[in-house]
Structures are given as C-alpha cells and as structure tokens.
Amino acid sequence: MREIVDHLRTCFRVSVRRVFQAVPAPRSTFHYRSRRPGQAILRQRIRELAETRVRYG
C-alpha cells in the first residue's frame, strides 16, 4: 500500500490526503509503523531444525 501511495503522490504531485480520497483505504494504513521486534533469528532457527529433522511422507 505504501508503494502505491508514494507512486501516486509523485506522479500526480498531490498530498496523502488527496490520494486516499481516490484510493479506498484508511489513511492510518499509510502512517502505521510496526513496533514488533524482528524475528529473523527465530525464523533461521526453525529452518535449521526443519533441515536436520526431515520427515518423509
């Protein structure tokens, strides 16, 4: 969503408010920033476990 809004803002040189009048989405989605910490380490560990403990059918 952020990429679409940024593209429309640069192409038409309009404000975020004006873009969201045309795009059917709430403005809060554009301003939202997640506060959740990244889980890259956890994902890597899960992949390692899945590679070592392979199950066949």
PDB file of N, CA and C in Angstrom:
ATOM      1  N   MET A   1       0.829  -1.189   0.000  1.00  0.00           N
ATOM      2  CA  MET A   1       0.000   0.000   0.000  1.00  0.00           C
ATOM      3  C   MET A   1       0.873   1.252   0.000  1.00  0.00           C
ATOM      4  N   ARG A   2       1.929   1.223   0.790  1.00  0.00           N
ATOM      5  CA  ARG A   2       2.812   2.393   0.888  1.00  0.00           C
ATOM      6  C   ARG A   2       3.429   2.731  -0.471  1.00  0.00           C
ATOM      7  N   GLU A   3       3.819   1.706  -1.228  1.00  0.00           N
ATOM      8  CA  GLU A   3       4.423   1.941  -2.540  1.00  0.00           C
ATOM      9  C   GLU A   3       3.431   2.576  -3.508  1.00  0.00           C
ATOM     10  N   ILE A   4       2.189   2.116  -3.445  1.00  0.00           N
ATOM     11  CA  ILE A   4       1.158   2.661  -4.333  1.00  0.00           C
ATOM     12  C   ILE A   4       0.919   4.135  -4.027  1.00  0.00           C
ATOM     13  N   VAL A   5       0.807   4.442  -2.745  1.00  0.00           N
ATOM     14  CA  VAL A   5       0.550   5.826  -2.339  1.00  0.00           C
ATOM     15  C   VAL A   5       1.727   6.722  -2.733  1.00  0.00           C
ATOM     16  N   ASP A   6       2.947   6.243  -2.484  1.00  0.00           N
ATOM     17  CA  ASP A   6       4.120   7.040  -2.857  1.00  0.00           C
ATOM     18  C   ASP A   6       4.181   7.270  -4.361  1.00  0.00           C
ATOM     19  N   HIS A   7       3.839   6.246  -5.130  1.00  0.00           N
ATOM     20  CA  HIS A   7       3.845   6.384  -6.590  1.00  0.00           C
ATOM     21  C   HIS A   7       2.811   7.421  -7.049  1.00  0.00           C
ATOM     22  N   LEU A   8       1.616   7.335  -6.505  1.00  0.00           N
ATOM     23  CA  LEU A   8       0.572   8.294  -6.882  1.00  0.00           C
ATOM     24  C   LEU A   8       0.933   9.715  -6.459  1.00  0.00           C
ATOM     25  N   ARG A   9       1.552   9.848  -5.286  1.00  0.00           N
ATOM     26  CA  ARG A   9       1.956  11.176  -4.818  1.00  0.00           C
ATOM     27  C   ARG A   9       2.993  11.800  -5.741  1.00  0.00           C
ATOM     28  N   THR A  10       3.958  11.004  -6.202  1.00  0.00           N
ATOM     29  CA  THR A  10       4.997  11.561  -7.072  1.00  0.00           C
ATOM     30  C   THR A  10       4.481  11.817  -8.483  1.00  0.00           C
ATOM     31  N   CYS A  11       3.647  10.928  -8.987  1.00  0.00           N
ATOM     32  CA  CYS A  11       3.141  11.106 -10.358  1.00  0.00           C
ATOM     33  C   CYS A  11       2.213  12.311 -10.476  1.00  0.00           C
ATOM     34  N   PHE A  12       1.289  12.429  -9.544  1.00  0.00           N
ATOM     35  CA  PHE A  12       0.279  13.479  -9.635  1.00  0.00           C
ATOM     36  C   PHE A  12       0.572  14.696  -8.767  1.00  0.00           C
ATOM     37  N   ARG A  13       1.646  14.604  -7.969  1.00  0.00           N
ATOM     38  CA  ARG A  13       2.050  15.699  -7.081  1.00  0.00           C
ATOM     39  C   ARG A  13       0.897  16.194  -6.208  1.00  0.00           C
ATOM     40  N   VAL A  14       0.346  15.247  -5.459  1.00  0.00           N
ATOM     41  CA  VAL A  14      -0.758  15.562  -4.557  1.00  0.00           C
ATOM     42  C   VAL A  14      -0.404  15.094  -3.152  1.00  0.00           C
ATOM     43  N   SER A  15      -1.196  15.497  -2.178  1.00  0.00           N
ATOM     44  CA  SER A  15      -0.965  15.136  -0.788  1.00  0.00           C
ATOM     45  C   SER A  15      -1.454  13.715  -0.498  1.00  0.00           C
ATOM     46  N   VAL A  16      -1.051  13.214   0.650  1.00  0.00           N
ATOM     47  CA  VAL A  16      -1.502  11.894   1.083  1.00  0.00           C
ATOM     48  C   VAL A  16      -3.018  11.902   1.254  1.00  0.00           C
ATOM     49  N   ARG A  17      -3.531  12.972   1.797  1.00  0.00           N
ATOM     50  CA  ARG A  17      -4.974  13.081   1.994  1.00  0.00           C
ATOM     51  C   ARG A  17      -5.722  12.987   0.664  1.00  0.00           C
ATOM     52  N   ARG A  18      -5.220  13.651  -0.347  1.00  0.00           N
ATOM     53  CA  ARG A  18      -5.858  13.631  -1.665  1.00  0.00           C
ATOM     54  C   ARG A  18      -5.786  12.245  -2.292  1.00  0.00           C
ATOM     55  N   VAL A  19      -4.652  11.557  -2.111  1.00  0.00           N
ATOM     56  CA  VAL A  19      -4.524  10.198  -2.655  1.00  0.00           C
ATOM     57  C   VAL A  19      -5.543   9.268  -2.013  1.00  0.00           C
ATOM     58  N   PHE A  20      -5.707   9.388  -0.691  1.00  0.00           N
ATOM     59  CA  PHE A  20      -6.634   8.489  -0.010  1.00  0.00           C
ATOM     60  C   PHE A  20      -8.098   8.833  -0.261  1.00  0.00           C
ATOM     61  N   GLN A  21      -8.371   9.952  -0.842  1.00  0.00           N
ATOM     62  CA  GLN A  21      -9.739  10.218  -1.287  1.00  0.00           C
ATOM     63  C   GLN A  21     -10.043   9.385  -2.527  1.00  0.00           C
ATOM     64  N   ALA A  22      -9.008   9.096  -3.310  1.00  0.00           N
ATOM     65  CA  ALA A  22      -9.185   8.305  -4.532  1.00  0.00           C
ATOM     66  C   ALA A  22      -9.018   6.806  -4.286  1.00  0.00           C
ATOM     67  N   VAL A  23      -8.167   6.441  -3.323  1.00  0.00           N
ATOM     68  CA  VAL A  23      -7.895   5.036  -3.026  1.00  0.00           C
ATOM     69  C   VAL A  23      -8.794   4.601  -1.866  1.00  0.00           C
ATOM     70  N   PRO A  24      -9.537   3.530  -2.018  1.00  0.00           N
ATOM     71  CA  PRO A  24     -10.449   3.111  -0.943  1.00  0.00           C
ATOM     72  C   PRO A  24      -9.725   2.384   0.195  1.00  0.00           C
ATOM     73  N   ALA A  25      -8.980   3.146   0.983  1.00  0.00           N
ATOM     74  CA  ALA A  25      -8.274   2.577   2.135  1.00  0.00           C
ATOM     75  C   ALA A  25      -8.130   3.662   3.197  1.00  0.00           C
ATOM     76  N   PRO A  26      -8.071   3.279   4.463  1.00  0.00           N
ATOM     77  CA  PRO A  26      -7.901   4.285   5.516  1.00  0.00           C
ATOM     78  C   PRO A  26      -6.491   4.873   5.521  1.00  0.00           C
ATOM     79  N   ARG A  27      -6.375   6.142   5.853  1.00  0.00           N
ATOM     80  CA  ARG A  27      -5.076   6.817   5.895  1.00  0.00           C
ATOM     81  C   ARG A  27      -4.156   6.233   6.951  1.00  0.00           C
ATOM     82  N   SER A  28      -4.723   5.662   7.985  1.00  0.00           N
ATOM     83  CA  SER A  28      -3.905   5.108   9.064  1.00  0.00           C
ATOM     84  C   SER A  28      -3.011   3.968   8.581  1.00  0.00           C
ATOM     85  N   THR A  29      -3.405   3.270   7.507  1.00  0.00           N
ATOM     86  CA  THR A  29      -2.559   2.199   6.976  1.00  0.00           C
ATOM     87  C   THR A  29      -1.264   2.750   6.405  1.00  0.00           C
ATOM     88  N   PHE A  30      -1.290   3.954   5.909  1.00  0.00           N
ATOM     89  CA  PHE A  30      -0.088   4.578   5.353  1.00  0.00           C
ATOM     90  C   PHE A  30       0.855   5.022   6.461  1.00  0.00           C
ATOM     91  N   HIS A  31       0.325   5.509   7.555  1.00  0.00           N
ATOM     92  CA  HIS A  31       1.141   6.038   8.632  1.00  0.00           C
ATOM     93  C   HIS A  31       1.559   4.987   9.656  1.00  0.00           C
ATOM     94  N   TYR A  32       1.013   3.792   9.567  1.00  0.00           N
ATOM     95  CA  TYR A  32       1.284   2.743  10.548  1.00  0.00           C
ATOM     96  C   TYR A  32       2.725   2.261  10.461  1.00  0.00           C
ATOM     97  N   ARG A  33       3.390   2.151  11.605  1.00  0.00           N
ATOM     98  CA  ARG A  33       4.724   1.573  11.712  1.00  0.00           C
ATOM     99  C   ARG A  33       4.674   0.495  12.790  1.00  0.00           C
ATOM    100  N   SER A  34       5.050  -0.699  12.453  1.00  0.00           N
ATOM    101  CA  SER A  34       5.019  -1.792  13.412  1.00  0.00           C
ATOM    102  C   SER A  34       6.076  -1.584  14.493  1.00  0.00           C
ATOM    103  N   ARG A  35       5.713  -1.869  15.730  1.00  0.00           N
ATOM    104  CA  ARG A  35       6.645  -1.777  16.852  1.00  0.00           C
ATOM    105  C   ARG A  35       7.157  -3.156  17.250  1.00  0.00           C
ATOM    106  N   ARG A  36       6.731  -4.153  16.534  1.00  0.00           N
ATOM    107  CA  ARG A  36       7.086  -5.520  16.834  1.00  0.00           C
ATOM    108  C   ARG A  36       8.555  -5.768  16.477  1.00  0.00           C
ATOM    109  N   PRO A  37       9.303  -6.418  17.358  1.00  0.00           N
ATOM    110  CA  PRO A  37      10.703  -6.688  17.042  1.00  0.00           C
ATOM    111  C   PRO A  37      10.823  -7.733  15.938  1.00  0.00           C
ATOM    112  N   GLY A  38      11.898  -7.640  15.187  1.00  0.00           N
ATOM    113  CA  GLY A  38      12.119  -8.598  14.104  1.00  0.00           C
ATOM    114  C   GLY A  38      12.347 -10.004  14.645  1.00  0.00           C
ATOM    115  N   GLN A  39      11.952 -10.998  13.887  1.00  0.00           N
ATOM    116  CA  GLN A  39      12.084 -12.382  14.323  1.00  0.00           C
ATOM    117  C   GLN A  39      12.945 -13.183  13.367  1.00  0.00           C
ATOM    118  N   ALA A  40      13.956 -12.537  12.796  1.00  0.00           N
ATOM    119  CA  ALA A  40      14.806 -13.201  11.820  1.00  0.00           C
ATOM    120  C   ALA A  40      15.576 -14.363  12.446  1.00  0.00           C
ATOM    121  N   ILE A  41      16.035 -14.190  13.672  1.00  0.00           N
ATOM    122  CA  ILE A  41      16.800 -15.246  14.346  1.00  0.00           C
ATOM    123  C   ILE A  41      15.925 -16.467  14.576  1.00  0.00           C
ATOM    124  N   LEU A  42      14.693 -16.236  15.010  1.00  0.00           N
ATOM    125  CA  LEU A  42      13.762 -17.334  15.236  1.00  0.00           C
ATOM    126  C   LEU A  42      13.450 -18.068  13.938  1.00  0.00           C
ATOM    127  N   ARG A  43      13.221 -17.339  12.874  1.00  0.00           N
ATOM    128  CA  ARG A  43      12.931 -17.969  11.575  1.00  0.00           C
ATOM    129  C   ARG A  43      14.105 -18.806  11.092  1.00  0.00           C
ATOM    130  N   GLN A  44      15.317 -18.299  11.269  1.00  0.00           N
ATOM    131  CA  GLN A  44      16.503 -19.040  10.860  1.00  0.00           C
ATOM    132  C   GLN A  44      16.626 -20.338  11.645  1.00  0.00           C
ATOM    133  N   ARG A  45      16.359 -20.285  12.939  1.00  0.00           N
ATOM    134  CA  ARG A  45      16.444 -21.481  13.785  1.00  0.00           C
ATOM    135  C   ARG A  45      15.402 -22.515  13.370  1.00  0.00           C
ATOM    136  N   ILE A  46      14.212 -22.079  13.037  1.00  0.00           N
ATOM    137  CA  ILE A  46      13.165 -23.007  12.584  1.00  0.00           C
ATOM    138  C   ILE A  46      13.580 -23.672  11.281  1.00  0.00           C
ATOM    139  N   ARG A  47      14.177 -22.918  10.382  1.00  0.00           N
ATOM    140  CA  ARG A  47      14.659 -23.504   9.116  1.00  0.00           C
ATOM    141  C   ARG A  47      15.748 -24.541   9.365  1.00  0.00           C
ATOM    142  N   GLU A  48      16.668 -24.245  10.292  1.00  0.00           N
ATOM    143  CA  GLU A  48      17.730 -25.194  10.620  1.00  0.00           C
ATOM    144  C   GLU A  48      17.147 -26.487  11.169  1.00  0.00           C
ATOM    145  N   LEU A  49      16.173 -26.379  12.056  1.00  0.00           N
ATOM    146  CA  LEU A  49      15.534 -27.569  12.609  1.00  0.00           C
ATOM    147  C   LEU A  49      14.813 -28.368  11.533  1.00  0.00           C
ATOM    148  N   ALA A  50      14.152 -27.669  10.625  1.00  0.00           N
ATOM    149  CA  ALA A  50      13.424 -28.361   9.558  1.00  0.00           C
ATOM    150  C   ALA A  50      14.382 -29.075   8.612  1.00  0.00           C
ATOM    151  N   GLU A  51      15.568 -28.521   8.398  1.00  0.00           N
ATOM    152  CA  GLU A  51      16.549 -29.184   7.524  1.00  0.00           C
ATOM    153  C   GLU A  51      17.154 -30.411   8.182  1.00  0.00           C
ATOM    154  N   THR A  52      17.366 -30.366   9.482  1.00  0.00           N
ATOM    155  CA  THR A  52      18.000 -31.519  10.159  1.00  0.00           C
ATOM    156  C   THR A  52      17.006 -32.619  10.466  1.00  0.00           C
ATOM    157  N   ARG A  53      15.751 -32.279  10.653  1.00  0.00           N
ATOM    158  CA  ARG A  53      14.753 -33.301  11.005  1.00  0.00           C
ATOM    159  C   ARG A  53      13.756 -33.467   9.871  1.00  0.00           C
ATOM    160  N   VAL A  54      14.242 -34.020   8.789  1.00  0.00           N
ATOM    161  CA  VAL A  54      13.410 -34.202   7.606  1.00  0.00           C
ATOM    162  C   VAL A  54      12.505 -35.413   7.801  1.00  0.00           C
ATOM    163  N   ARG A  55      11.254 -35.246   7.477  1.00  0.00           N
ATOM    164  CA  ARG A  55      10.287 -36.344   7.561  1.00  0.00           C
ATOM    165  C   ARG A  55       9.816 -36.693   6.171  1.00  0.00           C
ATOM    166  N   TYR A  56       9.697 -37.953   5.903  1.00  0.00           N
ATOM    167  CA  TYR A  56       9.214 -38.399   4.608  1.00  0.00           C
ATOM    168  C   TYR A  56       7.861 -39.050   4.806  1.00  0.00           C
ATOM    169  N   GLY A  57       6.881 -38.558   4.108  1.00  0.00           N
ATOM    170  CA  GLY A  57       5.593 -38.990   3.999  1.00  0.00           C
ATOM    171  C   GLY A  57       4.752 -39.752   4.821  1.00  0.00           C
TER     172      GLY A  57
END
